[in-house]
Amino acid sequence: MTRTRLASTALVLTAGVGIGLLLSAGRNPERGSLVQAQEPAGKPAPEPAALQAEFDVAKGKLPDQAHAMVSVAYHFNNLWFAGQHGNWPLAQFYFNETRSHLRWAVRIIPVRKDDKGQEVQLGAILEAVENSPLKQLQESIEAKDRDKFVAAYEFTLTSCYACHKASDKPYLTLRIPDHPAEPMIDFAPLPAPFPEKAPPSNAGEKRP
């Protein structure tokens, strides 16, 4: 009889301790996950209209496709002069930048609509440009072949203009540049090995 009473008392005490721990965890946010179920939401979820307004503000601060295409023109312009000077490492640099910024432009707006409301798949156009004219341009740089470089560069210009026409922007005509977009860059090839620091200013002079 005494053993039964002791066992019952121990059981009651154990249950009491367990309930006390649970209630304590419910009051303390640092204990257990029970709080997450019991605590009321401290802040109501934002309304869809408010989220849309915040999204529109953020979107308005991002660069548009025209901004990306200005960068494409800048790098592709300089690419011409690097190739003409036979500075193939510099040509490779500007080729990579041109391709990278073209991809950026397509990520910004992958699909445009022409004046008739028809979709123009810019991603597919860029894929075709990369697989043909840009591929030939890359190969001419790797081969350090100036004649092939000129042909591939002109082919790329023609392909880019075809994209402009497909987007109902035929007035964006293209031509071989007559001066570099960046006057500060010296397009003459560097002697090997490359110097450890930039050479002194010699505006108007060319390396032998």
N, C-alpha and C. Protein backbone atom coordinates (compact mmCIF):
# COMPACT_ATOMS: atom_id res chain seq x y z
N MET A 1 0.84 -1.21 0.00
CA MET A 1 0.00 0.00 0.00
C MET A 1 0.87 1.25 0.00
N THR A 2 1.91 1.23 0.87
CA THR A 2 2.82 2.39 0.96
C THR A 2 3.58 2.59 -0.35
N ARG A 3 4.00 1.43 -0.94
CA ARG A 3 4.73 1.53 -2.21
C ARG A 3 3.84 2.13 -3.32
N THR A 4 2.58 1.73 -3.31
CA THR A 4 1.66 2.25 -4.33
C THR A 4 1.46 3.74 -4.18
N ARG A 5 1.33 4.17 -2.90
CA ARG A 5 1.15 5.60 -2.64
C ARG A 5 2.38 6.39 -3.06
N LEU A 6 3.56 5.85 -2.76
CA LEU A 6 4.80 6.53 -3.15
C LEU A 6 4.93 6.64 -4.67
N ALA A 7 4.58 5.55 -5.34
CA ALA A 7 4.66 5.54 -6.81
C ALA A 7 3.71 6.57 -7.40
N SER A 8 2.50 6.66 -6.81
CA SER A 8 1.52 7.64 -7.32
C SER A 8 2.01 9.05 -7.10
N THR A 9 2.61 9.27 -5.91
CA THR A 9 3.14 10.62 -5.61
C THR A 9 4.24 11.00 -6.58
N ALA A 10 5.16 10.05 -6.85
CA ALA A 10 6.26 10.31 -7.78
C ALA A 10 5.73 10.62 -9.18
N LEU A 11 4.68 9.89 -9.58
CA LEU A 11 4.11 10.11 -10.91
C LEU A 11 3.51 11.50 -11.02
N VAL A 12 2.82 11.93 -9.95
CA VAL A 12 2.22 13.27 -9.96
C VAL A 12 3.29 14.34 -10.02
N LEU A 13 4.36 14.15 -9.23
CA LEU A 13 5.45 15.14 -9.23
C LEU A 13 6.12 15.22 -10.59
N THR A 14 6.35 14.08 -11.23
CA THR A 14 6.98 14.06 -12.55
C THR A 14 6.13 14.78 -13.58
N ALA A 15 4.83 14.51 -13.53
CA ALA A 15 3.92 15.17 -14.45
C ALA A 15 3.90 16.67 -14.23
N GLY A 16 3.93 17.05 -12.93
CA GLY A 16 3.93 18.48 -12.61
C GLY A 16 5.16 19.18 -13.13
N VAL A 17 6.32 18.53 -12.96
CA VAL A 17 7.58 19.12 -13.47
C VAL A 17 7.52 19.27 -14.97
N GLY A 18 7.01 18.24 -15.66
CA GLY A 18 6.94 18.30 -17.13
C GLY A 18 6.05 19.43 -17.59
N ILE A 19 4.88 19.58 -16.96
CA ILE A 19 3.97 20.67 -17.35
C ILE A 19 4.61 22.02 -17.08
N GLY A 20 5.31 22.11 -15.94
CA GLY A 20 5.98 23.38 -15.61
C GLY A 20 7.01 23.75 -16.65
N LEU A 21 7.80 22.78 -17.13
CA LEU A 21 8.82 23.05 -18.15
C LEU A 21 8.17 23.52 -19.46
N LEU A 22 7.06 22.87 -19.83
CA LEU A 22 6.38 23.27 -21.06
C LEU A 22 5.87 24.69 -20.97
N LEU A 23 5.26 25.04 -19.81
CA LEU A 23 4.75 26.39 -19.65
C LEU A 23 5.87 27.40 -19.64
N SER A 24 7.00 27.03 -19.03
CA SER A 24 8.15 27.92 -19.00
C SER A 24 8.69 28.16 -20.39
N ALA A 25 8.76 27.10 -21.21
CA ALA A 25 9.23 27.25 -22.60
C ALA A 25 8.29 28.13 -23.37
N GLY A 26 6.99 28.05 -23.09
CA GLY A 26 6.03 28.88 -23.80
C GLY A 26 6.21 30.34 -23.50
N ARG A 27 6.70 30.68 -22.26
CA ARG A 27 6.90 32.07 -21.91
C ARG A 27 8.26 32.59 -22.36
N ASN A 28 9.23 31.72 -22.62
CA ASN A 28 10.59 32.13 -22.97
C ASN A 28 10.83 31.90 -24.45
N PRO A 29 11.04 32.95 -25.28
CA PRO A 29 11.22 32.76 -26.71
C PRO A 29 12.47 32.00 -27.06
N GLU A 30 13.42 31.86 -26.12
CA GLU A 30 14.66 31.18 -26.45
C GLU A 30 14.58 29.69 -26.20
N ARG A 31 13.44 29.20 -25.78
CA ARG A 31 13.30 27.78 -25.47
C ARG A 31 12.26 27.13 -26.36
N GLY A 32 12.72 26.17 -27.10
CA GLY A 32 11.81 25.31 -27.83
C GLY A 32 11.04 26.01 -28.91
N SER A 33 10.27 25.18 -29.65
CA SER A 33 9.48 25.70 -30.76
C SER A 33 8.03 25.93 -30.36
N LEU A 34 7.69 25.65 -29.09
CA LEU A 34 6.32 25.83 -28.65
C LEU A 34 5.91 27.30 -28.74
N VAL A 35 6.89 28.19 -28.54
CA VAL A 35 6.60 29.62 -28.58
C VAL A 35 6.08 30.03 -29.94
N GLN A 36 6.69 29.46 -30.95
CA GLN A 36 6.30 29.85 -32.31
C GLN A 36 4.84 29.52 -32.58
N ALA A 37 4.36 28.46 -31.94
CA ALA A 37 2.96 28.09 -32.16
C ALA A 37 2.03 28.92 -31.29
N GLN A 38 2.52 29.36 -30.11
CA GLN A 38 1.64 30.03 -29.18
C GLN A 38 1.67 31.54 -29.32
N GLU A 39 2.83 32.11 -29.73
CA GLU A 39 2.94 33.57 -29.79
C GLU A 39 2.11 34.12 -30.94
N PRO A 40 1.37 35.15 -30.69
CA PRO A 40 0.62 35.78 -31.80
C PRO A 40 1.58 36.48 -32.74
N ALA A 41 1.23 36.59 -34.00
CA ALA A 41 2.08 37.28 -34.97
C ALA A 41 2.24 38.73 -34.55
N GLY A 42 3.51 39.16 -34.43
CA GLY A 42 3.76 40.52 -33.96
C GLY A 42 3.53 41.56 -35.04
N LYS A 43 3.63 41.15 -36.31
CA LYS A 43 3.52 42.11 -37.40
C LYS A 43 2.69 41.51 -38.53
N PRO A 44 1.67 42.18 -38.96
CA PRO A 44 0.84 41.61 -40.04
C PRO A 44 1.63 41.54 -41.35
N ALA A 45 1.32 40.54 -42.15
CA ALA A 45 1.99 40.39 -43.45
C ALA A 45 1.64 41.59 -44.34
N PRO A 46 2.63 42.08 -45.09
CA PRO A 46 2.35 43.23 -45.95
C PRO A 46 1.32 42.91 -47.02
N GLU A 47 0.54 43.90 -47.35
CA GLU A 47 -0.49 43.73 -48.37
C GLU A 47 0.15 43.57 -49.75
N PRO A 48 -0.47 42.81 -50.66
CA PRO A 48 0.08 42.64 -52.01
C PRO A 48 0.33 43.97 -52.73
N ALA A 49 -0.54 44.94 -52.50
CA ALA A 49 -0.36 46.24 -53.15
C ALA A 49 0.91 46.93 -52.65
N ALA A 50 1.19 46.79 -51.35
CA ALA A 50 2.40 47.40 -50.79
C ALA A 50 3.65 46.71 -51.34
N LEU A 51 3.59 45.37 -51.44
CA LEU A 51 4.72 44.64 -52.01
C LEU A 51 4.96 45.04 -53.46
N GLN A 52 3.89 45.19 -54.22
CA GLN A 52 4.02 45.58 -55.62
C GLN A 52 4.63 46.97 -55.73
N ALA A 53 4.23 47.87 -54.84
CA ALA A 53 4.78 49.23 -54.86
C ALA A 53 6.27 49.22 -54.57
N GLU A 54 6.70 48.42 -53.58
CA GLU A 54 8.12 48.32 -53.27
C GLU A 54 8.89 47.71 -54.44
N PHE A 55 8.30 46.71 -55.09
CA PHE A 55 8.94 46.09 -56.24
C PHE A 55 9.11 47.09 -57.38
N ASP A 56 8.08 47.89 -57.62
CA ASP A 56 8.15 48.88 -58.70
C ASP A 56 9.24 49.92 -58.43
N VAL A 57 9.38 50.32 -57.16
CA VAL A 57 10.42 51.28 -56.80
C VAL A 57 11.80 50.69 -57.06
N ALA A 58 12.00 49.42 -56.62
CA ALA A 58 13.29 48.76 -56.83
C ALA A 58 13.58 48.56 -58.31
N LYS A 59 12.55 48.17 -59.06
CA LYS A 59 12.72 47.95 -60.49
C LYS A 59 13.10 49.24 -61.20
N GLY A 60 12.55 50.37 -60.75
CA GLY A 60 12.85 51.65 -61.38
C GLY A 60 14.29 52.10 -61.16
N LYS A 61 14.97 51.50 -60.19
CA LYS A 61 16.35 51.87 -59.92
C LYS A 61 17.35 51.00 -60.68
N LEU A 62 16.87 49.94 -61.33
CA LEU A 62 17.76 49.04 -62.07
C LEU A 62 18.06 49.61 -63.45
N PRO A 63 19.24 49.28 -64.02
CA PRO A 63 19.54 49.72 -65.38
C PRO A 63 18.62 49.06 -66.39
N ASP A 64 18.26 49.81 -67.43
CA ASP A 64 17.39 49.24 -68.45
C ASP A 64 18.23 48.64 -69.57
N GLN A 65 17.56 48.08 -70.57
CA GLN A 65 18.27 47.41 -71.65
C GLN A 65 19.11 48.38 -72.47
N ALA A 66 18.63 49.60 -72.62
CA ALA A 66 19.40 50.60 -73.37
C ALA A 66 20.75 50.86 -72.70
N HIS A 67 20.74 50.88 -71.36
CA HIS A 67 21.99 51.07 -70.62
C HIS A 67 22.96 49.94 -70.92
N ALA A 68 22.48 48.71 -70.92
CA ALA A 68 23.34 47.56 -71.20
C ALA A 68 23.88 47.62 -72.62
N MET A 69 23.05 48.06 -73.56
CA MET A 69 23.49 48.11 -74.96
C MET A 69 24.53 49.21 -75.19
N VAL A 70 24.49 50.27 -74.39
CA VAL A 70 25.55 51.28 -74.48
C VAL A 70 26.88 50.65 -74.10
N SER A 71 26.87 49.79 -73.09
CA SER A 71 28.09 49.09 -72.69
C SER A 71 28.55 48.12 -73.78
N VAL A 72 27.60 47.47 -74.44
CA VAL A 72 27.94 46.59 -75.56
C VAL A 72 28.66 47.39 -76.65
N ALA A 73 28.09 48.53 -77.00
CA ALA A 73 28.69 49.36 -78.05
C ALA A 73 30.09 49.83 -77.65
N TYR A 74 30.26 50.20 -76.40
CA TYR A 74 31.56 50.67 -75.91
C TYR A 74 32.63 49.59 -76.09
N HIS A 75 32.34 48.38 -75.64
CA HIS A 75 33.33 47.31 -75.71
C HIS A 75 33.54 46.83 -77.15
N PHE A 76 32.46 46.76 -77.93
CA PHE A 76 32.61 46.28 -79.31
C PHE A 76 33.36 47.31 -80.15
N ASN A 77 33.17 48.58 -79.87
CA ASN A 77 33.93 49.62 -80.54
C ASN A 77 35.43 49.44 -80.27
N ASN A 78 35.80 49.33 -79.01
CA ASN A 78 37.21 49.18 -78.66
C ASN A 78 37.80 47.88 -79.18
N LEU A 79 36.96 46.85 -79.31
CA LEU A 79 37.42 45.58 -79.86
C LEU A 79 37.99 45.78 -81.27
N TRP A 80 37.34 46.61 -82.05
CA TRP A 80 37.81 46.86 -83.42
C TRP A 80 39.24 47.39 -83.44
N PHE A 81 39.53 48.33 -82.60
CA PHE A 81 40.86 48.96 -82.60
C PHE A 81 41.92 48.04 -81.99
N ALA A 82 41.52 47.21 -81.03
CA ALA A 82 42.47 46.23 -80.51
C ALA A 82 42.87 45.25 -81.60
N GLY A 83 41.89 44.81 -82.41
CA GLY A 83 42.20 43.90 -83.50
C GLY A 83 43.02 44.56 -84.59
N GLN A 84 42.71 45.80 -84.90
CA GLN A 84 43.45 46.51 -85.95
C GLN A 84 44.91 46.72 -85.56
N HIS A 85 45.18 46.87 -84.28
CA HIS A 85 46.55 47.04 -83.80
C HIS A 85 47.24 45.70 -83.53
N GLY A 86 46.52 44.62 -83.73
CA GLY A 86 47.11 43.32 -83.47
C GLY A 86 47.37 43.06 -82.00
N ASN A 87 46.63 43.74 -81.14
CA ASN A 87 46.76 43.54 -79.70
C ASN A 87 45.73 42.47 -79.30
N TRP A 88 46.09 41.22 -79.49
CA TRP A 88 45.13 40.14 -79.34
C TRP A 88 44.70 39.87 -77.91
N PRO A 89 45.58 40.02 -76.90
CA PRO A 89 45.07 39.91 -75.52
C PRO A 89 44.01 40.97 -75.20
N LEU A 90 44.23 42.19 -75.67
CA LEU A 90 43.24 43.25 -75.44
C LEU A 90 41.97 42.97 -76.24
N ALA A 91 42.15 42.45 -77.46
CA ALA A 91 40.98 42.09 -78.27
C ALA A 91 40.15 41.02 -77.58
N GLN A 92 40.81 40.04 -76.98
CA GLN A 92 40.09 38.98 -76.26
C GLN A 92 39.32 39.56 -75.08
N PHE A 93 39.94 40.51 -74.38
CA PHE A 93 39.27 41.16 -73.26
C PHE A 93 37.99 41.86 -73.71
N TYR A 94 38.09 42.66 -74.79
CA TYR A 94 36.91 43.39 -75.24
C TYR A 94 35.86 42.45 -75.86
N PHE A 95 36.32 41.36 -76.46
CA PHE A 95 35.37 40.37 -76.96
C PHE A 95 34.56 39.77 -75.80
N ASN A 96 35.26 39.39 -74.73
CA ASN A 96 34.57 38.81 -73.58
C ASN A 96 33.58 39.78 -72.96
N GLU A 97 33.98 41.06 -72.87
CA GLU A 97 33.10 42.07 -72.30
C GLU A 97 31.87 42.29 -73.20
N THR A 98 32.09 42.29 -74.51
CA THR A 98 30.97 42.46 -75.44
C THR A 98 29.95 41.34 -75.28
N ARG A 99 30.43 40.12 -75.26
CA ARG A 99 29.52 38.96 -75.12
C ARG A 99 28.81 38.98 -73.77
N SER A 100 29.55 39.30 -72.72
CA SER A 100 28.96 39.34 -71.38
C SER A 100 27.85 40.38 -71.30
N HIS A 101 28.06 41.56 -71.88
CA HIS A 101 27.05 42.61 -71.80
C HIS A 101 25.87 42.34 -72.73
N LEU A 102 26.10 41.63 -73.82
CA LEU A 102 24.97 41.20 -74.65
C LEU A 102 24.07 40.26 -73.86
N ARG A 103 24.68 39.34 -73.14
CA ARG A 103 23.89 38.42 -72.32
C ARG A 103 23.14 39.17 -71.22
N TRP A 104 23.79 40.16 -70.66
CA TRP A 104 23.14 40.98 -69.63
C TRP A 104 21.92 41.70 -70.22
N ALA A 105 22.07 42.25 -71.42
CA ALA A 105 20.96 42.96 -72.06
C ALA A 105 19.77 42.03 -72.27
N VAL A 106 20.05 40.79 -72.66
CA VAL A 106 18.97 39.83 -72.90
C VAL A 106 18.33 39.38 -71.59
N ARG A 107 19.12 39.30 -70.52
CA ARG A 107 18.53 38.97 -69.22
C ARG A 107 17.57 40.06 -68.76
N ILE A 108 17.88 41.30 -69.07
CA ILE A 108 17.01 42.40 -68.66
C ILE A 108 15.66 42.32 -69.37
N ILE A 109 15.69 42.12 -70.69
CA ILE A 109 14.45 41.96 -71.46
C ILE A 109 14.66 40.80 -72.43
N PRO A 110 14.29 39.60 -72.05
CA PRO A 110 14.49 38.45 -72.95
C PRO A 110 13.54 38.41 -74.14
N VAL A 111 12.39 39.05 -73.98
CA VAL A 111 11.39 39.04 -75.06
C VAL A 111 10.87 40.47 -75.25
N ARG A 112 10.99 40.98 -76.45
CA ARG A 112 10.43 42.29 -76.79
C ARG A 112 9.21 42.08 -77.69
N LYS A 113 8.50 43.16 -77.92
CA LYS A 113 7.38 43.11 -78.86
C LYS A 113 7.60 44.15 -79.94
N ASP A 114 7.35 43.74 -81.17
CA ASP A 114 7.52 44.67 -82.27
C ASP A 114 6.30 45.59 -82.37
N ASP A 115 6.28 46.42 -83.40
CA ASP A 115 5.19 47.39 -83.54
C ASP A 115 3.83 46.73 -83.76
N LYS A 116 3.82 45.48 -84.18
CA LYS A 116 2.57 44.77 -84.40
C LYS A 116 2.16 43.93 -83.20
N GLY A 117 2.94 44.03 -82.14
CA GLY A 117 2.62 43.27 -80.93
C GLY A 117 3.14 41.85 -80.95
N GLN A 118 3.92 41.49 -81.98
CA GLN A 118 4.48 40.14 -82.05
C GLN A 118 5.73 40.04 -81.18
N GLU A 119 5.89 38.89 -80.52
CA GLU A 119 7.03 38.70 -79.65
C GLU A 119 8.31 38.48 -80.44
N VAL A 120 9.38 39.12 -79.99
CA VAL A 120 10.71 38.95 -80.57
C VAL A 120 11.56 38.28 -79.50
N GLN A 121 11.95 37.04 -79.74
CA GLN A 121 12.71 36.25 -78.77
C GLN A 121 14.19 36.64 -78.86
N LEU A 122 14.60 37.57 -78.01
CA LEU A 122 15.98 38.04 -78.06
C LEU A 122 16.97 36.96 -77.64
N GLY A 123 16.55 36.07 -76.76
CA GLY A 123 17.44 34.99 -76.35
C GLY A 123 17.81 34.10 -77.52
N ALA A 124 16.83 33.79 -78.35
CA ALA A 124 17.10 32.94 -79.52
C ALA A 124 18.00 33.67 -80.52
N ILE A 125 17.78 34.97 -80.69
CA ILE A 125 18.62 35.75 -81.61
C ILE A 125 20.05 35.78 -81.11
N LEU A 126 20.23 36.02 -79.81
CA LEU A 126 21.58 36.05 -79.27
C LEU A 126 22.27 34.70 -79.40
N GLU A 127 21.53 33.64 -79.21
CA GLU A 127 22.12 32.30 -79.36
C GLU A 127 22.64 32.10 -80.78
N ALA A 128 21.86 32.55 -81.76
CA ALA A 128 22.30 32.44 -83.15
C ALA A 128 23.53 33.30 -83.41
N VAL A 129 23.57 34.49 -82.84
CA VAL A 129 24.73 35.38 -83.01
C VAL A 129 25.97 34.76 -82.37
N GLU A 130 25.81 34.17 -81.20
CA GLU A 130 26.96 33.56 -80.53
C GLU A 130 27.47 32.34 -81.29
N ASN A 131 26.57 31.61 -81.92
CA ASN A 131 26.97 30.37 -82.60
C ASN A 131 27.56 30.61 -83.99
N SER A 132 27.46 31.82 -84.51
CA SER A 132 27.98 32.06 -85.86
C SER A 132 28.95 33.24 -85.90
N PRO A 133 28.47 34.49 -85.99
CA PRO A 133 29.43 35.59 -86.13
C PRO A 133 30.36 35.75 -84.94
N LEU A 134 29.84 35.66 -83.72
CA LEU A 134 30.71 35.81 -82.55
C LEU A 134 31.69 34.65 -82.45
N LYS A 135 31.26 33.47 -82.84
CA LYS A 135 32.18 32.33 -82.84
C LYS A 135 33.32 32.55 -83.82
N GLN A 136 33.00 33.08 -85.00
CA GLN A 136 34.04 33.36 -85.99
C GLN A 136 34.98 34.46 -85.49
N LEU A 137 34.41 35.43 -84.81
CA LEU A 137 35.23 36.51 -84.26
C LEU A 137 36.18 35.97 -83.19
N GLN A 138 35.69 35.10 -82.34
CA GLN A 138 36.53 34.47 -81.32
C GLN A 138 37.67 33.68 -81.97
N GLU A 139 37.34 32.93 -83.00
CA GLU A 139 38.36 32.12 -83.68
C GLU A 139 39.42 32.99 -84.36
N SER A 140 39.02 34.12 -84.90
CA SER A 140 39.99 35.00 -85.55
C SER A 140 40.94 35.61 -84.52
N ILE A 141 40.44 35.88 -83.33
CA ILE A 141 41.30 36.42 -82.26
C ILE A 141 42.28 35.36 -81.79
N GLU A 142 41.78 34.15 -81.61
CA GLU A 142 42.66 33.06 -81.19
C GLU A 142 43.74 32.78 -82.23
N ALA A 143 43.38 32.88 -83.51
CA ALA A 143 44.34 32.65 -84.59
C ALA A 143 45.23 33.86 -84.86
N LYS A 144 44.89 35.01 -84.27
CA LYS A 144 45.62 36.26 -84.49
C LYS A 144 45.68 36.59 -85.99
N ASP A 145 44.52 36.41 -86.61
CA ASP A 145 44.39 36.62 -88.05
C ASP A 145 43.60 37.91 -88.29
N ARG A 146 44.28 38.95 -88.74
CA ARG A 146 43.62 40.24 -88.88
C ARG A 146 42.58 40.24 -90.00
N ASP A 147 42.84 39.57 -91.10
CA ASP A 147 41.87 39.54 -92.20
C ASP A 147 40.58 38.84 -91.78
N LYS A 148 40.72 37.69 -91.12
CA LYS A 148 39.53 36.99 -90.64
C LYS A 148 38.82 37.81 -89.56
N PHE A 149 39.58 38.54 -88.78
CA PHE A 149 39.00 39.39 -87.75
C PHE A 149 38.10 40.45 -88.38
N VAL A 150 38.59 41.10 -89.44
CA VAL A 150 37.80 42.14 -90.10
C VAL A 150 36.50 41.56 -90.66
N ALA A 151 36.60 40.40 -91.31
CA ALA A 151 35.41 39.78 -91.90
C ALA A 151 34.41 39.39 -90.82
N ALA A 152 34.91 38.82 -89.72
CA ALA A 152 34.01 38.39 -88.65
C ALA A 152 33.39 39.59 -87.93
N TYR A 153 34.15 40.66 -87.80
CA TYR A 153 33.63 41.87 -87.15
C TYR A 153 32.48 42.45 -87.98
N GLU A 154 32.68 42.54 -89.29
CA GLU A 154 31.64 43.06 -90.17
C GLU A 154 30.41 42.14 -90.17
N PHE A 155 30.64 40.83 -90.13
CA PHE A 155 29.54 39.87 -90.07
C PHE A 155 28.73 40.06 -88.78
N THR A 156 29.42 40.32 -87.68
CA THR A 156 28.74 40.54 -86.41
C THR A 156 27.91 41.82 -86.45
N LEU A 157 28.45 42.87 -87.05
CA LEU A 157 27.68 44.12 -87.20
C LEU A 157 26.39 43.87 -87.98
N THR A 158 26.51 43.10 -89.06
CA THR A 158 25.33 42.80 -89.88
C THR A 158 24.29 42.02 -89.08
N SER A 159 24.76 41.06 -88.29
CA SER A 159 23.84 40.25 -87.48
C SER A 159 23.17 41.08 -86.40
N CYS A 160 23.93 41.99 -85.79
CA CYS A 160 23.35 42.85 -84.77
C CYS A 160 22.29 43.79 -85.37
N TYR A 161 22.56 44.26 -86.56
CA TYR A 161 21.58 45.16 -87.19
C TYR A 161 20.30 44.38 -87.55
N ALA A 162 20.45 43.10 -87.88
CA ALA A 162 19.27 42.28 -88.16
C ALA A 162 18.38 42.19 -86.91
N CYS A 163 19.02 42.14 -85.75
CA CYS A 163 18.24 42.14 -84.50
C CYS A 163 17.53 43.46 -84.31
N HIS A 164 18.19 44.56 -84.63
CA HIS A 164 17.55 45.88 -84.53
C HIS A 164 16.32 45.95 -85.42
N LYS A 165 16.45 45.44 -86.64
CA LYS A 165 15.31 45.47 -87.56
C LYS A 165 14.18 44.57 -87.07
N ALA A 166 14.53 43.41 -86.51
CA ALA A 166 13.50 42.51 -86.00
C ALA A 166 12.73 43.15 -84.84
N SER A 167 13.38 44.05 -84.13
CA SER A 167 12.73 44.76 -83.01
C SER A 167 12.09 46.06 -83.46
N ASP A 168 11.95 46.26 -84.77
CA ASP A 168 11.37 47.47 -85.34
C ASP A 168 12.16 48.72 -84.96
N LYS A 169 13.48 48.59 -85.01
CA LYS A 169 14.37 49.73 -84.77
C LYS A 169 15.40 49.81 -85.90
N PRO A 170 14.95 49.89 -87.15
CA PRO A 170 15.89 49.91 -88.28
C PRO A 170 16.73 51.17 -88.33
N TYR A 171 16.33 52.20 -87.59
CA TYR A 171 17.09 53.45 -87.57
C TYR A 171 18.38 53.31 -86.76
N LEU A 172 18.53 52.22 -86.00
CA LEU A 172 19.78 51.97 -85.26
C LEU A 172 20.77 51.27 -86.19
N THR A 173 21.26 51.99 -87.18
CA THR A 173 22.20 51.43 -88.14
C THR A 173 23.60 51.39 -87.53
N LEU A 174 24.41 50.47 -88.04
CA LEU A 174 25.74 50.24 -87.48
C LEU A 174 26.81 50.38 -88.56
N ARG A 175 28.01 50.75 -88.14
CA ARG A 175 29.13 50.88 -89.08
C ARG A 175 30.44 50.64 -88.33
N ILE A 176 31.50 50.48 -89.10
CA ILE A 176 32.83 50.34 -88.51
C ILE A 176 33.19 51.66 -87.82
N PRO A 177 33.63 51.63 -86.58
CA PRO A 177 33.96 52.88 -85.88
C PRO A 177 35.21 53.54 -86.47
N ASP A 178 35.24 54.86 -86.43
CA ASP A 178 36.41 55.58 -86.95
C ASP A 178 37.31 56.11 -85.85
N HIS A 179 36.90 56.00 -84.59
CA HIS A 179 37.77 56.36 -83.47
C HIS A 179 37.35 55.56 -82.25
N PRO A 180 38.27 55.28 -81.34
CA PRO A 180 37.95 54.44 -80.18
C PRO A 180 36.96 55.11 -79.24
N ALA A 181 36.18 54.29 -78.57
CA ALA A 181 35.26 54.81 -77.56
C ALA A 181 36.00 55.25 -76.30
N GLU A 182 37.19 54.70 -76.09
CA GLU A 182 37.98 55.04 -74.91
C GLU A 182 39.33 55.61 -75.34
N PRO A 183 39.49 56.93 -75.35
CA PRO A 183 40.74 57.55 -75.81
C PRO A 183 41.91 57.32 -74.86
N MET A 184 41.65 56.90 -73.63
CA MET A 184 42.73 56.73 -72.67
C MET A 184 43.49 55.43 -72.88
N ILE A 185 42.90 54.46 -73.58
CA ILE A 185 43.54 53.16 -73.79
C ILE A 185 44.54 53.25 -74.93
N ASP A 186 45.73 52.73 -74.69
CA ASP A 186 46.74 52.61 -75.75
C ASP A 186 46.56 51.23 -76.38
N PHE A 187 46.15 51.19 -77.63
CA PHE A 187 45.81 49.93 -78.29
C PHE A 187 47.03 49.21 -78.86
N ALA A 188 48.19 49.86 -78.86
CA ALA A 188 49.39 49.20 -79.37
C ALA A 188 49.75 48.02 -78.48
N PRO A 189 50.20 46.92 -79.08
CA PRO A 189 50.56 45.74 -78.27
C PRO A 189 51.68 46.05 -77.28
N LEU A 190 51.59 45.46 -76.12
CA LEU A 190 52.64 45.62 -75.12
C LEU A 190 53.81 44.69 -75.44
N PRO A 191 55.02 45.12 -75.14
CA PRO A 191 56.16 44.21 -75.31
C PRO A 191 56.09 43.09 -74.29
N ALA A 192 56.68 41.96 -74.61
CA ALA A 192 56.71 40.85 -73.66
C ALA A 192 58.07 40.82 -72.97
N PRO A 193 58.16 40.59 -71.67
CA PRO A 193 57.01 40.44 -70.77
C PRO A 193 56.35 41.78 -70.48
N PHE A 194 55.11 41.73 -69.98
CA PHE A 194 54.38 42.96 -69.68
C PHE A 194 55.12 43.76 -68.61
N PRO A 195 55.09 45.07 -68.71
CA PRO A 195 55.74 45.88 -67.68
C PRO A 195 55.01 45.76 -66.36
N GLU A 196 55.73 45.95 -65.26
CA GLU A 196 55.14 45.83 -63.94
C GLU A 196 54.23 47.01 -63.61
N LYS A 197 54.45 48.14 -64.24
CA LYS A 197 53.60 49.30 -63.99
C LYS A 197 53.35 50.02 -65.31
N ALA A 198 52.35 50.88 -65.31
CA ALA A 198 51.97 51.58 -66.54
C ALA A 198 53.12 52.47 -67.00
N PRO A 199 53.35 52.54 -68.32
CA PRO A 199 54.41 53.41 -68.84
C PRO A 199 54.04 54.87 -68.64
N PRO A 200 55.03 55.79 -68.68
CA PRO A 200 54.71 57.22 -68.52
C PRO A 200 53.88 57.74 -69.68
N SER A 201 53.26 58.88 -69.44
CA SER A 201 52.38 59.48 -70.44
C SER A 201 53.18 59.84 -71.69
N ASN A 202 52.65 59.44 -72.84
CA ASN A 202 53.28 59.81 -74.12
C ASN A 202 52.19 60.02 -75.16
N ALA A 203 51.32 60.95 -74.86
CA ALA A 203 50.16 61.21 -75.74
C ALA A 203 50.63 61.51 -77.15
N GLY A 204 49.98 60.84 -78.10
CA GLY A 204 50.27 61.08 -79.50
C GLY A 204 51.39 60.23 -80.03
N GLU A 205 52.13 59.52 -79.17
CA GLU A 205 53.23 58.70 -79.63
C GLU A 205 52.80 57.24 -79.68
N LYS A 206 53.49 56.47 -80.49
CA LYS A 206 53.21 55.05 -80.59
C LYS A 206 54.49 54.29 -80.26
N ARG A 207 54.32 53.11 -79.68
CA ARG A 207 55.49 52.30 -79.37
C ARG A 207 56.11 51.79 -80.66
N PRO A 208 57.43 51.60 -80.71
CA PRO A 208 58.06 51.05 -81.93
C PRO A 208 57.66 49.60 -82.13
